[in-house]
Amino acid sequence: MSDRVGLVFAPEARTYDHGPAHPLRPERVLLTWRLIQAYGLDQLPGVVTLGA
């Protein structure tokens, strides 16, 4: 196992829609990213944000 984590941030995800029943709905992906930021998980040691 690695002690490094890469979080992929892609704001353009809000323009891609898999359909209303798909779990990766654009608003859900962006809300998940905001939750990650609110908890500071993107600032932990060993975490790298990609695509920001």
N, C-alpha and C. Protein backbone atom coordinates (compact mmCIF):
# COMPACT_ATOMS: atom_id res chain seq x y z
N MET A 1 0.82 -1.18 0.00
CA MET A 1 0.00 0.00 0.00
C MET A 1 0.87 1.24 0.00
N SER A 2 0.33 2.27 -0.59
CA SER A 2 1.03 3.55 -0.66
C SER A 2 0.57 4.46 0.47
N ASP A 3 1.45 5.38 0.86
CA ASP A 3 1.07 6.37 1.86
C ASP A 3 0.68 7.69 1.18
N ARG A 4 0.47 7.63 -0.12
CA ARG A 4 0.06 8.81 -0.89
C ARG A 4 -1.31 8.57 -1.53
N VAL A 5 -2.08 9.65 -1.59
CA VAL A 5 -3.41 9.61 -2.19
C VAL A 5 -3.52 10.75 -3.19
N GLY A 6 -4.08 10.47 -4.35
CA GLY A 6 -4.32 11.52 -5.34
C GLY A 6 -5.82 11.74 -5.49
N LEU A 7 -6.26 12.96 -5.22
CA LEU A 7 -7.66 13.33 -5.42
C LEU A 7 -7.76 14.05 -6.75
N VAL A 8 -8.63 13.60 -7.60
CA VAL A 8 -8.79 14.21 -8.92
C VAL A 8 -9.93 15.21 -8.85
N PHE A 9 -9.60 16.47 -9.07
CA PHE A 9 -10.59 17.54 -9.06
C PHE A 9 -10.83 17.96 -10.50
N ALA A 10 -12.06 17.82 -10.96
CA ALA A 10 -12.40 18.17 -12.33
C ALA A 10 -13.71 18.96 -12.34
N PRO A 11 -13.63 20.30 -12.28
CA PRO A 11 -14.85 21.10 -12.27
C PRO A 11 -15.73 20.85 -13.50
N GLU A 12 -15.11 20.40 -14.59
CA GLU A 12 -15.90 20.13 -15.79
C GLU A 12 -16.83 18.93 -15.61
N ALA A 13 -16.71 18.22 -14.48
CA ALA A 13 -17.61 17.10 -14.20
C ALA A 13 -19.06 17.56 -14.14
N ARG A 14 -19.27 18.83 -13.83
CA ARG A 14 -20.66 19.33 -13.74
C ARG A 14 -21.34 19.39 -15.11
N THR A 15 -20.56 19.25 -16.19
CA THR A 15 -21.15 19.31 -17.53
C THR A 15 -21.42 17.92 -18.11
N TYR A 16 -20.96 16.89 -17.42
CA TYR A 16 -21.15 15.53 -17.93
C TYR A 16 -22.23 14.84 -17.13
N ASP A 17 -23.25 14.36 -17.80
CA ASP A 17 -24.39 13.76 -17.12
C ASP A 17 -24.58 12.32 -17.58
N HIS A 18 -24.51 11.38 -16.62
CA HIS A 18 -24.72 9.96 -16.90
C HIS A 18 -26.20 9.59 -16.89
N GLY A 19 -27.05 10.51 -16.52
CA GLY A 19 -28.48 10.25 -16.41
C GLY A 19 -28.95 10.48 -14.99
N PRO A 20 -30.24 10.73 -14.80
CA PRO A 20 -30.76 11.12 -13.49
C PRO A 20 -30.64 10.05 -12.39
N ALA A 21 -30.57 8.79 -12.75
CA ALA A 21 -30.50 7.74 -11.73
C ALA A 21 -29.07 7.30 -11.43
N HIS A 22 -28.10 7.81 -12.16
CA HIS A 22 -26.71 7.39 -11.97
C HIS A 22 -26.13 8.05 -10.71
N PRO A 23 -25.36 7.30 -9.90
CA PRO A 23 -24.80 7.87 -8.68
C PRO A 23 -23.77 8.98 -8.92
N LEU A 24 -23.20 9.05 -10.10
CA LEU A 24 -22.22 10.10 -10.38
C LEU A 24 -22.87 11.31 -11.07
N ARG A 25 -24.05 11.68 -10.57
CA ARG A 25 -24.68 12.89 -11.08
C ARG A 25 -23.76 14.07 -10.81
N PRO A 26 -23.69 15.03 -11.72
CA PRO A 26 -22.76 16.15 -11.57
C PRO A 26 -22.85 16.86 -10.22
N GLU A 27 -24.05 17.16 -9.76
CA GLU A 27 -24.17 17.89 -8.49
C GLU A 27 -23.68 17.04 -7.33
N ARG A 28 -23.84 15.74 -7.42
CA ARG A 28 -23.38 14.85 -6.34
C ARG A 28 -21.86 14.79 -6.29
N VAL A 29 -21.23 14.74 -7.44
CA VAL A 29 -19.76 14.72 -7.49
C VAL A 29 -19.20 16.01 -6.90
N LEU A 30 -19.75 17.15 -7.28
CA LEU A 30 -19.25 18.43 -6.78
C LEU A 30 -19.55 18.61 -5.29
N LEU A 31 -20.70 18.13 -4.82
CA LEU A 31 -20.98 18.19 -3.39
C LEU A 31 -20.02 17.30 -2.59
N THR A 32 -19.66 16.16 -3.15
CA THR A 32 -18.69 15.28 -2.49
C THR A 32 -17.34 15.98 -2.37
N TRP A 33 -16.95 16.67 -3.43
CA TRP A 33 -15.67 17.40 -3.38
C TRP A 33 -15.72 18.49 -2.30
N ARG A 34 -16.84 19.19 -2.19
CA ARG A 34 -16.97 20.23 -1.15
C ARG A 34 -16.90 19.61 0.24
N LEU A 35 -17.45 18.43 0.40
CA LEU A 35 -17.39 17.74 1.69
C LEU A 35 -15.95 17.35 2.03
N ILE A 36 -15.22 16.87 1.05
CA ILE A 36 -13.80 16.55 1.23
C ILE A 36 -13.05 17.78 1.71
N GLN A 37 -13.31 18.92 1.07
CA GLN A 37 -12.65 20.17 1.46
C GLN A 37 -13.10 20.62 2.84
N ALA A 38 -14.38 20.51 3.16
CA ALA A 38 -14.89 20.95 4.46
C ALA A 38 -14.24 20.19 5.61
N TYR A 39 -13.95 18.92 5.39
CA TYR A 39 -13.29 18.11 6.41
C TYR A 39 -11.76 18.26 6.38
N GLY A 40 -11.25 19.00 5.39
CA GLY A 40 -9.82 19.21 5.30
C GLY A 40 -9.05 18.00 4.81
N LEU A 41 -9.75 17.04 4.23
CA LEU A 41 -9.08 15.82 3.78
C LEU A 41 -8.09 16.09 2.65
N ASP A 42 -8.35 17.13 1.87
CA ASP A 42 -7.45 17.47 0.77
C ASP A 42 -6.17 18.14 1.26
N GLN A 43 -6.10 18.47 2.54
CA GLN A 43 -4.92 19.12 3.11
C GLN A 43 -4.07 18.19 3.97
N LEU A 44 -4.47 16.95 4.08
CA LEU A 44 -3.73 16.01 4.91
C LEU A 44 -2.38 15.67 4.28
N PRO A 45 -1.40 15.31 5.11
CA PRO A 45 -0.11 14.90 4.57
C PRO A 45 -0.28 13.68 3.65
N GLY A 46 0.42 13.69 2.55
CA GLY A 46 0.37 12.58 1.62
C GLY A 46 -0.76 12.65 0.62
N VAL A 47 -1.59 13.71 0.72
CA VAL A 47 -2.71 13.87 -0.22
C VAL A 47 -2.33 14.92 -1.25
N VAL A 48 -2.47 14.57 -2.50
CA VAL A 48 -2.17 15.48 -3.60
C VAL A 48 -3.45 15.68 -4.41
N THR A 49 -3.77 16.95 -4.69
CA THR A 49 -4.93 17.25 -5.54
C THR A 49 -4.46 17.37 -6.97
N LEU A 50 -5.05 16.58 -7.83
CA LEU A 50 -4.68 16.58 -9.25
C LEU A 50 -5.75 17.29 -10.06
N GLY A 51 -5.32 18.07 -11.03
CA GLY A 51 -6.26 18.72 -11.93
C GLY A 51 -6.82 20.03 -11.42
N ALA A 52 -6.36 20.51 -10.29
CA ALA A 52 -6.89 21.76 -9.75
C ALA A 52 -6.28 22.95 -10.43
